[in-house]
Amino acid sequence: MTPQAPAGRANQKLRTRNAIVQAAAELTRTGREVTMPAVAKAALVSEATAYRYFPDLASLLQEAIAGQLPSPEEALAPVADSADPVERIAVATEYLARHVLARQGAVRALMAATIARPEQVSARPGLRFGLIDHALAPLADTPDVCAPDALAQLKRDLAVVVGSEALFTLTDLCGLDPEVAIASVVHTATALTRAAVQGVDGEQRHAGTSR
């Protein structure tokens, strides 16, 4: 019986840890505020126990939402056959905005944690960058249409718009309805993309007529 005791304790610890992660994952899907006390209550453990398994809320949320993030290919499935970067970035932007709103309690908690401790920025999912890269893949494959440096600049511009910060600025500071806020970020993202592509086309036409 004694040799089995360590295994039994290990199994109990694993069950407790899994219960905490599962409770956090379920709370993130509600969109409500996510706190360690709330997670502990849902997992039927004490807050002190939760902190023994996870040193902070950010590390817990990082694990809890890992399985909830779609791949860029899954997110952009509706435009999988489209080579239009404007159409693709519109779908990517709206998808991420709705994903953020559906889990905004967890998103806000992670934002707060990484603002206070920038070294924890890796705890925040990098979904936006994967979506932007995949949405603009047609441009990456056609350097004659959009030069690599122009494409890199466009991706930086979009990183400011396609994400939780821009969305929360519109809902929290501008007081916009979530649907109006989503439409606004999609409008801005597509305008940036369209301007970048048309700008390259215009430069090429100008170069052709000046020869």
Protein backbone atom coordinates (compact mmCIF):
# COMPACT_ATOMS: atom_id res chain seq x y z
CA MET A 1 0.00 0.00 0.00
CA THR A 2 2.86 2.39 0.80
CA PRO A 3 4.37 2.27 -2.72
CA GLN A 4 1.00 3.25 -4.14
CA ALA A 5 0.67 6.33 -1.95
CA PRO A 6 2.96 8.60 -4.01
CA ALA A 7 1.12 7.61 -7.18
CA GLY A 8 -2.19 8.32 -5.50
CA ARG A 9 -1.05 11.77 -4.43
CA ALA A 10 0.27 12.48 -7.91
CA ASN A 11 -3.06 11.49 -9.44
CA GLN A 12 -4.94 13.69 -7.00
CA LYS A 13 -2.69 16.65 -7.81
CA LEU A 14 -3.26 16.08 -11.51
CA ARG A 15 -7.04 15.94 -11.00
CA THR A 16 -6.94 19.16 -8.99
CA ARG A 17 -4.82 20.90 -11.58
CA ASN A 18 -7.09 19.76 -14.40
CA ALA A 19 -10.14 20.93 -12.46
CA ILE A 20 -8.64 24.39 -12.08
CA VAL A 21 -7.77 24.63 -15.77
CA GLN A 22 -11.18 23.36 -16.81
CA ALA A 23 -12.95 25.82 -14.53
CA ALA A 24 -10.89 28.68 -15.98
CA ALA A 25 -11.60 27.53 -19.53
CA GLU A 26 -15.33 27.44 -18.87
CA LEU A 27 -15.28 30.89 -17.29
CA THR A 28 -13.42 32.37 -20.27
CA ARG A 29 -16.20 31.21 -22.58
CA THR A 30 -18.80 33.20 -20.64
CA GLY A 31 -17.20 36.52 -21.52
CA ARG A 32 -17.50 37.65 -17.91
CA GLU A 33 -14.65 38.88 -15.70
CA VAL A 34 -12.22 36.11 -14.83
CA THR A 35 -10.45 36.20 -11.46
CA MET A 36 -8.53 33.66 -9.45
CA PRO A 37 -11.16 33.60 -6.66
CA ALA A 38 -13.87 32.92 -9.25
CA VAL A 39 -11.85 30.13 -10.82
CA ALA A 40 -11.12 28.57 -7.44
CA LYS A 41 -14.79 28.66 -6.50
CA ALA A 42 -15.81 27.02 -9.78
CA ALA A 43 -13.12 24.36 -9.35
CA LEU A 44 -14.24 23.68 -5.76
CA VAL A 45 -10.81 24.47 -4.34
CA SER A 46 -9.48 27.26 -2.17
CA GLU A 47 -7.85 30.30 -3.72
CA ALA A 48 -4.61 29.32 -1.96
CA THR A 49 -4.76 25.92 -3.63
CA ALA A 50 -5.24 27.52 -7.05
CA TYR A 51 -2.18 29.69 -6.49
CA ARG A 52 -0.13 26.64 -5.53
CA TYR A 53 -0.69 25.26 -9.00
CA PHE A 54 -0.47 28.56 -10.90
CA PRO A 55 1.62 31.51 -9.67
CA ASP A 56 -0.69 34.07 -11.29
CA LEU A 57 -3.87 34.41 -13.30
CA ALA A 58 -2.00 35.03 -16.56
CA SER A 59 -0.22 31.67 -16.49
CA LEU A 60 -3.50 29.91 -15.72
CA LEU A 61 -5.37 31.66 -18.52
CA GLN A 62 -2.58 30.95 -20.97
CA GLU A 63 -3.11 27.23 -20.44
CA ALA A 64 -6.89 27.44 -20.17
CA ILE A 65 -7.42 29.13 -23.54
CA ALA A 66 -4.73 27.26 -25.46
CA GLY A 67 -7.20 24.72 -26.78
CA GLN A 68 -9.77 27.36 -27.69
CA LEU A 69 -7.70 29.14 -30.32
CA PRO A 70 -8.44 28.19 -33.93
CA SER A 71 -5.76 27.96 -36.55
CA PRO A 72 -5.63 30.81 -39.08
CA GLU A 73 -6.73 28.32 -41.73
CA GLU A 74 -9.84 27.45 -39.73
CA ALA A 75 -10.67 31.08 -39.05
CA LEU A 76 -10.33 32.05 -42.72
CA ALA A 77 -12.08 29.00 -44.13
CA PRO A 78 -14.91 31.15 -45.63
CA VAL A 79 -12.38 32.88 -47.91
CA ALA A 80 -10.02 29.95 -48.43
CA ASP A 81 -10.48 30.18 -52.23
CA SER A 82 -10.13 33.96 -52.39
CA ALA A 83 -6.88 35.66 -53.38
CA ASP A 84 -8.23 39.13 -52.59
CA PRO A 85 -6.25 40.45 -49.59
CA VAL A 86 -8.93 43.06 -48.81
CA GLU A 87 -11.66 40.44 -48.57
CA ARG A 88 -9.43 38.13 -46.57
CA ILE A 89 -8.36 40.79 -44.06
CA ALA A 90 -12.01 41.78 -43.57
CA VAL A 91 -12.89 38.22 -42.57
CA ALA A 92 -9.81 37.94 -40.34
CA THR A 93 -10.54 41.22 -38.56
CA GLU A 94 -14.19 40.43 -37.91
CA TYR A 95 -13.34 36.92 -36.75
CA LEU A 96 -10.82 38.15 -34.20
CA ALA A 97 -13.10 40.93 -32.96
CA ARG A 98 -15.92 38.48 -32.29
CA HIS A 99 -13.50 36.04 -30.68
CA VAL A 100 -12.28 38.79 -28.35
CA LEU A 101 -15.79 39.92 -27.42
CA ALA A 102 -16.88 36.37 -26.66
CA ARG A 103 -13.95 35.97 -24.24
CA GLN A 104 -13.40 39.54 -23.21
CA GLY A 105 -13.14 38.80 -19.49
CA ALA A 106 -10.09 36.62 -20.08
CA VAL A 107 -8.70 38.97 -22.73
CA ARG A 108 -8.93 41.95 -20.40
CA ALA A 109 -7.29 39.99 -17.57
CA LEU A 110 -4.37 39.04 -19.82
CA MET A 111 -4.05 42.61 -21.09
CA ALA A 112 -3.94 43.94 -17.54
CA ALA A 113 -1.34 41.37 -16.52
CA THR A 114 0.97 42.12 -19.43
CA ILE A 115 0.62 45.89 -19.07
CA ALA A 116 1.68 45.65 -15.44
CA ARG A 117 4.41 43.12 -16.24
CA PRO A 118 5.57 43.50 -19.86
CA GLU A 119 7.89 40.53 -19.50
CA GLN A 120 4.76 38.35 -19.44
CA VAL A 121 3.63 39.48 -22.90
CA SER A 122 4.25 35.97 -24.22
CA ALA A 123 1.28 34.86 -22.11
CA ARG A 124 -1.04 36.65 -24.53
CA PRO A 125 -2.11 34.60 -27.54
CA GLY A 126 -0.60 35.70 -30.85
CA LEU A 127 -3.72 34.92 -32.86
CA ARG A 128 -3.81 38.31 -34.56
CA PHE A 129 -0.38 37.87 -36.16
CA GLY A 130 -1.23 34.45 -37.54
CA LEU A 131 -4.49 35.78 -38.95
CA ILE A 132 -2.82 38.79 -40.55
CA ASP A 133 -0.06 36.65 -42.07
CA HIS A 134 -2.52 34.13 -43.46
CA ALA A 135 -4.91 36.78 -44.74
CA LEU A 136 -2.11 38.52 -46.63
CA ALA A 137 -0.53 35.32 -47.92
CA PRO A 138 -1.56 36.13 -51.53
CA LEU A 139 0.52 39.30 -51.32
CA ALA A 140 3.48 37.44 -49.85
CA ASP A 141 3.36 35.10 -52.83
CA THR A 142 3.35 37.97 -55.35
CA PRO A 143 6.23 40.34 -54.52
CA ASP A 144 5.69 42.11 -57.85
CA VAL A 145 2.30 43.26 -56.54
CA CYS A 146 3.46 44.24 -53.06
CA ALA A 147 7.14 44.59 -52.24
CA PRO A 148 8.37 42.83 -49.09
CA ASP A 149 9.07 46.10 -47.27
CA ALA A 150 5.62 47.45 -48.13
CA LEU A 151 4.02 44.21 -46.98
CA ALA A 152 5.93 44.34 -43.71
CA GLN A 153 4.72 47.91 -43.12
CA LEU A 154 1.14 46.90 -43.87
CA LYS A 155 1.35 44.08 -41.33
CA ARG A 156 2.60 46.52 -38.68
CA ASP A 157 -0.23 48.92 -39.50
CA LEU A 158 -2.80 46.14 -39.24
CA ALA A 159 -1.38 44.93 -35.92
CA VAL A 160 -2.56 48.23 -34.42
CA VAL A 161 -6.10 47.74 -35.72
CA VAL A 162 -6.69 43.98 -35.73
CA GLY A 163 -6.78 43.25 -32.03
CA SER A 164 -8.38 43.74 -28.66
CA GLU A 165 -6.84 47.14 -27.93
CA ALA A 166 -8.51 48.89 -30.87
CA LEU A 167 -11.80 47.14 -30.22
CA PHE A 168 -11.87 48.09 -26.54
CA THR A 169 -10.94 51.67 -27.40
CA LEU A 170 -14.09 51.88 -29.49
CA THR A 171 -16.38 50.16 -27.00
CA ASP A 172 -14.95 51.56 -23.75
CA LEU A 173 -13.69 55.04 -24.66
CA CYS A 174 -15.88 55.88 -27.65
CA GLY A 175 -18.93 54.17 -26.18
CA LEU A 176 -19.78 52.31 -29.37
CA ASP A 177 -22.11 49.35 -29.54
CA PRO A 178 -20.04 46.18 -30.07
CA GLU A 179 -21.47 45.60 -33.56
CA VAL A 180 -20.67 49.17 -34.57
CA ALA A 181 -17.17 48.79 -33.12
CA ILE A 182 -16.61 45.61 -35.12
CA ALA A 183 -17.75 47.34 -38.30
CA SER A 184 -15.36 50.19 -37.56
CA VAL A 185 -12.27 48.02 -37.09
CA VAL A 186 -13.14 46.03 -40.22
CA HIS A 187 -13.54 49.29 -42.16
CA THR A 188 -10.14 50.55 -40.97
CA ALA A 189 -8.34 47.27 -41.65
CA THR A 190 -9.74 46.95 -45.15
CA ALA A 191 -9.00 50.63 -45.90
CA LEU A 192 -5.36 50.13 -44.89
CA THR A 193 -5.06 47.00 -47.01
CA ARG A 194 -6.80 48.53 -50.02
CA ALA A 195 -4.63 51.65 -49.83
CA ALA A 196 -1.45 49.57 -49.66
CA VAL A 197 -2.39 47.48 -52.69
CA GLN A 198 -3.65 50.43 -54.73
CA GLY A 199 -0.59 52.43 -53.76
CA VAL A 200 1.67 49.77 -55.22
CA ASP A 201 -0.45 49.59 -58.38
CA GLY A 202 -0.29 53.37 -58.72
CA GLU A 203 3.48 53.44 -58.33
CA GLN A 204 3.85 50.71 -60.94
CA ARG A 205 1.63 52.58 -63.39
CA HIS A 206 3.54 55.81 -62.76
CA ALA A 207 6.84 54.04 -63.30
CA GLY A 208 5.55 52.59 -66.57
CA THR A 209 4.46 55.95 -67.98
CA SER A 210 7.66 57.72 -66.95
CA ARG A 211 9.93 55.41 -68.90
